[in-house]
Amino acid sequence: MKLRPAQLMRMPAQSNEYSNSPGFMVYLCRTFKGQLLANNMGIETDINQPGFRNEYQKATVNFIYTFNWMSERMKLVFDRESITPQQFNILRILRGAGKPLSTLQIRQRMLDKMSDTSRIVDRLLLKELVKKTTCPSDKRLVDVTITEKGKRLLEKLDTYNQEMDAVLGNLSETEARTLNKLLDKLRDSK
């Protein structure tokens, strides 16, 4: 028997991650209006707020709420392996790079640009998940590489990929692709 992603996460089959941008909200209202009303779903219900100033404010609040909702679910997976999302991000960056990187290079690739990369790397060093070496071309810099132990941890976390993908399990692949395009468009609006 194939489980739906929502069942994998042991979550109710309701969703509040649909309206992450103003344009997507309009799309959803047109496409899923009957379903949304029938299920009494939405950010208004989730945060017990009767209304918003406009669709842009609603989308902003919904985006922040949904980000936190998703973060909580992802954290459940990371907690199993005693790792933070930022530590996971650095390990994935190092594995993907396939070569040593400086903390500056790591910081440039981080999802959370406000993270204290040096301190997170030091915590990973204590867990023996990374190692630091002096950069041969510039003795002032330190190179960071992932250790075999770090690679094994990522391989273990890779076994949770289906569960992590299930956080967006109420979206079809086409809807996820549309969401990605809309989020990219949103960031381009600077």
C-alpha atoms as a PDB file:
ATOM      1  CA  MET A   1       0.000   0.000   0.000  1.00  0.00           C
ATOM      2  CA  LYS A   2       1.410   3.369  -1.014  1.00  0.00           C
ATOM      3  CA  LEU A   3       1.100   6.060   1.639  1.00  0.00           C
ATOM      4  CA  ARG A   4       0.339   9.622   0.729  1.00  0.00           C
ATOM      5  CA  PRO A   5       3.004  12.116   1.775  1.00  0.00           C
ATOM      6  CA  ALA A   6       0.665  13.617   4.373  1.00  0.00           C
ATOM      7  CA  GLN A   7       0.295  10.178   5.944  1.00  0.00           C
ATOM      8  CA  LEU A   8       4.055   9.778   6.009  1.00  0.00           C
ATOM      9  CA  MET A   9       4.335  12.929   8.091  1.00  0.00           C
ATOM     10  CA  ARG A  10       1.402  11.835  10.280  1.00  0.00           C
ATOM     11  CA  MET A  11      -0.216  15.154   9.559  1.00  0.00           C
ATOM     12  CA  PRO A  12      -3.872  15.909   8.998  1.00  0.00           C
ATOM     13  CA  ALA A  13      -4.754  16.003   5.327  1.00  0.00           C
ATOM     14  CA  GLN A  14      -5.168  19.744   5.376  1.00  0.00           C
ATOM     15  CA  SER A  15      -2.794  22.325   4.076  1.00  0.00           C
ATOM     16  CA  ASN A  16      -1.917  25.896   4.783  1.00  0.00           C
ATOM     17  CA  GLU A  17       1.156  26.084   2.571  1.00  0.00           C
ATOM     18  CA  TYR A  18      -0.760  26.914  -0.600  1.00  0.00           C
ATOM     19  CA  SER A  19      -0.687  30.699  -0.485  1.00  0.00           C
ATOM     20  CA  ASN A  20       2.946  31.719  -0.352  1.00  0.00           C
ATOM     21  CA  SER A  21       2.733  34.609  -2.817  1.00  0.00           C
ATOM     22  CA  PRO A  22       0.135  37.083  -4.016  1.00  0.00           C
ATOM     23  CA  GLY A  23      -0.027  35.635  -7.545  1.00  0.00           C
ATOM     24  CA  PHE A  24      -0.225  32.098  -6.270  1.00  0.00           C
ATOM     25  CA  MET A  25      -3.012  33.132  -3.911  1.00  0.00           C
ATOM     26  CA  VAL A  26      -5.057  34.415  -6.860  1.00  0.00           C
ATOM     27  CA  TYR A  27      -4.365  31.177  -8.744  1.00  0.00           C
ATOM     28  CA  LEU A  28      -5.481  29.120  -5.747  1.00  0.00           C
ATOM     29  CA  CYS A  29      -8.609  31.149  -5.149  1.00  0.00           C
ATOM     30  CA  ARG A  30      -9.680  30.521  -8.731  1.00  0.00           C
ATOM     31  CA  THR A  31      -8.616  26.884  -8.865  1.00  0.00           C
ATOM     32  CA  PHE A  32      -9.448  25.577  -5.403  1.00  0.00           C
ATOM     33  CA  LYS A  33     -12.114  27.993  -4.195  1.00  0.00           C
ATOM     34  CA  GLY A  34     -14.758  25.334  -3.575  1.00  0.00           C
ATOM     35  CA  GLN A  35     -12.334  22.899  -1.971  1.00  0.00           C
ATOM     36  CA  LEU A  36     -10.827  25.558   0.293  1.00  0.00           C
ATOM     37  CA  LEU A  37     -14.235  26.692   1.467  1.00  0.00           C
ATOM     38  CA  ALA A  38     -15.498  23.141   1.950  1.00  0.00           C
ATOM     39  CA  ASN A  39     -12.491  22.202   4.080  1.00  0.00           C
ATOM     40  CA  ASN A  40     -12.536  25.507   6.003  1.00  0.00           C
ATOM     41  CA  MET A  41      -8.800  25.765   5.371  1.00  0.00           C
ATOM     42  CA  GLY A  42      -6.712  28.861   5.273  1.00  0.00           C
ATOM     43  CA  ILE A  43      -4.466  31.190   7.156  1.00  0.00           C
ATOM     44  CA  GLU A  44      -7.474  32.955   8.720  1.00  0.00           C
ATOM     45  CA  THR A  45      -8.457  29.715  10.464  1.00  0.00           C
ATOM     46  CA  ASP A  46      -4.893  28.734  11.355  1.00  0.00           C
ATOM     47  CA  ILE A  47      -4.098  31.984  13.151  1.00  0.00           C
ATOM     48  CA  ASN A  48      -7.676  32.859  14.102  1.00  0.00           C
ATOM     49  CA  GLN A  49      -7.698  36.155  12.212  1.00  0.00           C
ATOM     50  CA  PRO A  50     -10.933  37.163  10.484  1.00  0.00           C
ATOM     51  CA  GLY A  51      -9.384  39.232   7.721  1.00  0.00           C
ATOM     52  CA  PHE A  52      -6.449  41.086   6.250  1.00  0.00           C
ATOM     53  CA  ARG A  53      -5.867  44.569   4.857  1.00  0.00           C
ATOM     54  CA  ASN A  54      -5.387  43.094   1.353  1.00  0.00           C
ATOM     55  CA  GLU A  55      -4.150  39.973  -0.438  1.00  0.00           C
ATOM     56  CA  TYR A  56      -0.514  41.142  -0.219  1.00  0.00           C
ATOM     57  CA  GLN A  57      -0.662  41.390   3.564  1.00  0.00           C
ATOM     58  CA  LYS A  58      -2.420  38.024   3.724  1.00  0.00           C
ATOM     59  CA  ALA A  59       0.241  36.444   1.499  1.00  0.00           C
ATOM     60  CA  THR A  60       3.040  37.933   3.619  1.00  0.00           C
ATOM     61  CA  VAL A  61       1.539  36.638   6.864  1.00  0.00           C
ATOM     62  CA  ASN A  62       0.810  33.295   5.210  1.00  0.00           C
ATOM     63  CA  PHE A  63       4.383  33.053   3.912  1.00  0.00           C
ATOM     64  CA  ILE A  64       5.861  33.699   7.381  1.00  0.00           C
ATOM     65  CA  TYR A  65       3.431  31.291   9.043  1.00  0.00           C
ATOM     66  CA  THR A  66       4.103  28.604   6.430  1.00  0.00           C
ATOM     67  CA  PHE A  67       7.885  29.041   6.697  1.00  0.00           C
ATOM     68  CA  ASN A  68       7.660  28.411  10.447  1.00  0.00           C
ATOM     69  CA  TRP A  69       5.255  25.508   9.922  1.00  0.00           C
ATOM     70  CA  MET A  70       7.670  23.886   7.464  1.00  0.00           C
ATOM     71  CA  SER A  71      10.695  24.588   9.664  1.00  0.00           C
ATOM     72  CA  GLU A  72       9.048  22.836  12.612  1.00  0.00           C
ATOM     73  CA  ARG A  73       8.416  19.730  10.529  1.00  0.00           C
ATOM     74  CA  MET A  74      11.937  19.672   9.084  1.00  0.00           C
ATOM     75  CA  LYS A  75      13.400  20.175  12.553  1.00  0.00           C
ATOM     76  CA  LEU A  76      11.730  16.947  13.690  1.00  0.00           C
ATOM     77  CA  VAL A  77      13.869  15.066  11.161  1.00  0.00           C
ATOM     78  CA  PHE A  78      17.097  16.890  12.079  1.00  0.00           C
ATOM     79  CA  ASP A  79      16.494  16.383  15.804  1.00  0.00           C
ATOM     80  CA  ARG A  80      16.626  12.616  15.301  1.00  0.00           C
ATOM     81  CA  GLU A  81      20.291  12.972  14.352  1.00  0.00           C
ATOM     82  CA  SER A  82      21.108  15.810  16.795  1.00  0.00           C
ATOM     83  CA  ILE A  83      21.837  18.305  14.063  1.00  0.00           C
ATOM     84  CA  THR A  84      20.496  21.787  13.344  1.00  0.00           C
ATOM     85  CA  PRO A  85      19.149  22.911   9.967  1.00  0.00           C
ATOM     86  CA  GLN A  86      22.152  25.248   9.611  1.00  0.00           C
ATOM     87  CA  GLN A  87      24.601  22.413  10.331  1.00  0.00           C
ATOM     88  CA  PHE A  88      22.777  20.256   7.797  1.00  0.00           C
ATOM     89  CA  ASN A  89      23.031  23.074   5.264  1.00  0.00           C
ATOM     90  CA  ILE A  90      26.809  23.407   5.749  1.00  0.00           C
ATOM     91  CA  LEU A  91      27.363  19.654   5.475  1.00  0.00           C
ATOM     92  CA  ARG A  92      25.346  19.553   2.234  1.00  0.00           C
ATOM     93  CA  ILE A  93      27.308  22.504   0.866  1.00  0.00           C
ATOM     94  CA  LEU A  94      30.607  20.780   1.638  1.00  0.00           C
ATOM     95  CA  ARG A  95      29.481  17.449   0.206  1.00  0.00           C
ATOM     96  CA  GLY A  96      28.196  19.156  -2.943  1.00  0.00           C
ATOM     97  CA  ALA A  97      31.366  21.183  -3.421  1.00  0.00           C
ATOM     98  CA  GLY A  98      33.551  18.087  -3.377  1.00  0.00           C
ATOM     99  CA  LYS A  99      36.522  20.224  -2.363  1.00  0.00           C
ATOM    100  CA  PRO A 100      37.584  22.328   0.617  1.00  0.00           C
ATOM    101  CA  LEU A 101      35.793  25.651   1.045  1.00  0.00           C
ATOM    102  CA  SER A 102      36.578  28.695   3.155  1.00  0.00           C
ATOM    103  CA  THR A 103      34.016  29.890   5.690  1.00  0.00           C
ATOM    104  CA  LEU A 104      33.359  32.867   3.409  1.00  0.00           C
ATOM    105  CA  GLN A 105      32.548  30.546   0.495  1.00  0.00           C
ATOM    106  CA  ILE A 106      30.283  28.503   2.766  1.00  0.00           C
ATOM    107  CA  ARG A 107      28.509  31.654   4.020  1.00  0.00           C
ATOM    108  CA  GLN A 108      27.850  32.761   0.431  1.00  0.00           C
ATOM    109  CA  ARG A 109      26.072  29.454  -0.259  1.00  0.00           C
ATOM    110  CA  MET A 110      24.106  29.250   3.003  1.00  0.00           C
ATOM    111  CA  LEU A 111      20.301  29.373   2.917  1.00  0.00           C
ATOM    112  CA  ASP A 112      20.316  31.479   6.090  1.00  0.00           C
ATOM    113  CA  LYS A 113      22.688  34.361   5.351  1.00  0.00           C
ATOM    114  CA  MET A 114      22.467  35.583   8.967  1.00  0.00           C
ATOM    115  CA  SER A 115      24.022  32.403  10.359  1.00  0.00           C
ATOM    116  CA  ASP A 116      27.343  32.648  12.182  1.00  0.00           C
ATOM    117  CA  THR A 117      29.163  30.302   9.837  1.00  0.00           C
ATOM    118  CA  SER A 118      32.405  30.160  11.837  1.00  0.00           C
ATOM    119  CA  ARG A 119      30.627  29.157  15.011  1.00  0.00           C
ATOM    120  CA  ILE A 120      28.511  26.523  13.244  1.00  0.00           C
ATOM    121  CA  VAL A 121      31.652  25.091  11.617  1.00  0.00           C
ATOM    122  CA  ASP A 122      33.294  24.950  15.073  1.00  0.00           C
ATOM    123  CA  ARG A 123      30.324  22.945  16.395  1.00  0.00           C
ATOM    124  CA  LEU A 124      30.591  20.573  13.441  1.00  0.00           C
ATOM    125  CA  LEU A 125      34.317  20.269  14.170  1.00  0.00           C
ATOM    126  CA  LEU A 126      33.548  19.232  17.769  1.00  0.00           C
ATOM    127  CA  LYS A 127      31.204  16.542  16.412  1.00  0.00           C
ATOM    128  CA  GLU A 128      34.006  15.455  14.029  1.00  0.00           C
ATOM    129  CA  LEU A 129      31.736  16.024  11.031  1.00  0.00           C
ATOM    130  CA  VAL A 130      34.153  18.486   9.370  1.00  0.00           C
ATOM    131  CA  LYS A 131      37.844  19.250   9.539  1.00  0.00           C
ATOM    132  CA  LYS A 132      39.729  22.508   9.161  1.00  0.00           C
ATOM    133  CA  THR A 133      43.086  22.943   7.460  1.00  0.00           C
ATOM    134  CA  THR A 134      45.160  25.976   6.609  1.00  0.00           C
ATOM    135  CA  CYS A 135      44.686  27.016   3.002  1.00  0.00           C
ATOM    136  CA  PRO A 136      47.905  26.202   1.102  1.00  0.00           C
ATOM    137  CA  SER A 137      47.615  29.231  -1.195  1.00  0.00           C
ATOM    138  CA  ASP A 138      46.753  31.759   1.537  1.00  0.00           C
ATOM    139  CA  LYS A 139      47.893  30.959   5.072  1.00  0.00           C
ATOM    140  CA  ARG A 140      45.401  33.499   6.485  1.00  0.00           C
ATOM    141  CA  LEU A 141      42.453  31.393   5.331  1.00  0.00           C
ATOM    142  CA  VAL A 142      41.123  28.139   6.715  1.00  0.00           C
ATOM    143  CA  ASP A 143      39.651  25.475   4.456  1.00  0.00           C
ATOM    144  CA  VAL A 144      36.776  23.323   5.682  1.00  0.00           C
ATOM    145  CA  THR A 145      36.068  19.812   4.386  1.00  0.00           C
ATOM    146  CA  ILE A 146      33.464  17.241   5.301  1.00  0.00           C
ATOM    147  CA  THR A 147      34.780  14.137   7.075  1.00  0.00           C
ATOM    148  CA  GLU A 148      33.764  10.541   6.413  1.00  0.00           C
ATOM    149  CA  LYS A 149      31.664  10.718   9.582  1.00  0.00           C
ATOM    150  CA  GLY A 150      29.934  13.801   8.157  1.00  0.00           C
ATOM    151  CA  LYS A 151      29.288  12.003   4.871  1.00  0.00           C
ATOM    152  CA  ARG A 152      27.817   9.017   6.715  1.00  0.00           C
ATOM    153  CA  LEU A 153      25.503  11.329   8.664  1.00  0.00           C
ATOM    154  CA  LEU A 154      24.279  12.919   5.422  1.00  0.00           C
ATOM    155  CA  GLU A 155      23.732   9.470   3.922  1.00  0.00           C
ATOM    156  CA  LYS A 156      21.604   8.606   6.941  1.00  0.00           C
ATOM    157  CA  LEU A 157      19.667  11.865   6.588  1.00  0.00           C
ATOM    158  CA  ASP A 158      19.200  11.093   2.874  1.00  0.00           C
ATOM    159  CA  THR A 159      17.045   8.140   3.939  1.00  0.00           C
ATOM    160  CA  TYR A 160      14.545  10.713   5.253  1.00  0.00           C
ATOM    161  CA  ASN A 161      14.241  12.475   1.871  1.00  0.00           C
ATOM    162  CA  GLN A 162      10.773  11.116   1.190  1.00  0.00           C
ATOM    163  CA  GLU A 163       9.607  12.278   4.601  1.00  0.00           C
ATOM    164  CA  MET A 164      11.141  15.728   4.061  1.00  0.00           C
ATOM    165  CA  ASP A 165       9.543  15.987   0.604  1.00  0.00           C
ATOM    166  CA  ALA A 166       6.215  15.098   2.224  1.00  0.00           C
ATOM    167  CA  VAL A 167       6.182  18.498   3.924  1.00  0.00           C
ATOM    168  CA  LEU A 168       4.963  19.760   0.536  1.00  0.00           C
ATOM    169  CA  GLY A 169       3.054  16.552  -0.125  1.00  0.00           C
ATOM    170  CA  ASN A 170      -0.304  18.228  -0.625  1.00  0.00           C
ATOM    171  CA  LEU A 171       1.068  19.885  -3.758  1.00  0.00           C
ATOM    172  CA  SER A 172       1.327  18.090  -7.067  1.00  0.00           C
ATOM    173  CA  GLU A 173       4.674  18.221  -8.861  1.00  0.00           C
ATOM    174  CA  THR A 174       3.203  20.792 -11.257  1.00  0.00           C
ATOM    175  CA  GLU A 175       2.029  22.936  -8.335  1.00  0.00           C
ATOM    176  CA  ALA A 176       5.459  22.648  -6.684  1.00  0.00           C
ATOM    177  CA  ARG A 177       7.080  23.770  -9.958  1.00  0.00           C
ATOM    178  CA  THR A 178       4.673  26.729 -10.119  1.00  0.00           C
ATOM    179  CA  LEU A 179       5.408  27.576  -6.487  1.00  0.00           C
ATOM    180  CA  ASN A 180       9.155  27.534  -7.223  1.00  0.00           C
ATOM    181  CA  LYS A 181       8.689  29.904 -10.174  1.00  0.00           C
ATOM    182  CA  LEU A 182       6.550  32.257  -8.099  1.00  0.00           C
ATOM    183  CA  LEU A 183       9.032  32.293  -5.208  1.00  0.00           C
ATOM    184  CA  ASP A 184      11.877  33.027  -7.641  1.00  0.00           C
ATOM    185  CA  LYS A 185       9.766  35.822  -9.154  1.00  0.00           C
ATOM    186  CA  LEU A 186       9.029  37.225  -5.694  1.00  0.00           C
ATOM    187  CA  ARG A 187      12.747  37.494  -4.862  1.00  0.00           C
ATOM    188  CA  ASP A 188      13.429  39.189  -8.206  1.00  0.00           C
ATOM    189  CA  SER A 189      11.051  42.034  -7.296  1.00  0.00           C
ATOM    190  CA  LYS A 190      13.644  43.696  -4.974  1.00  0.00           C
END
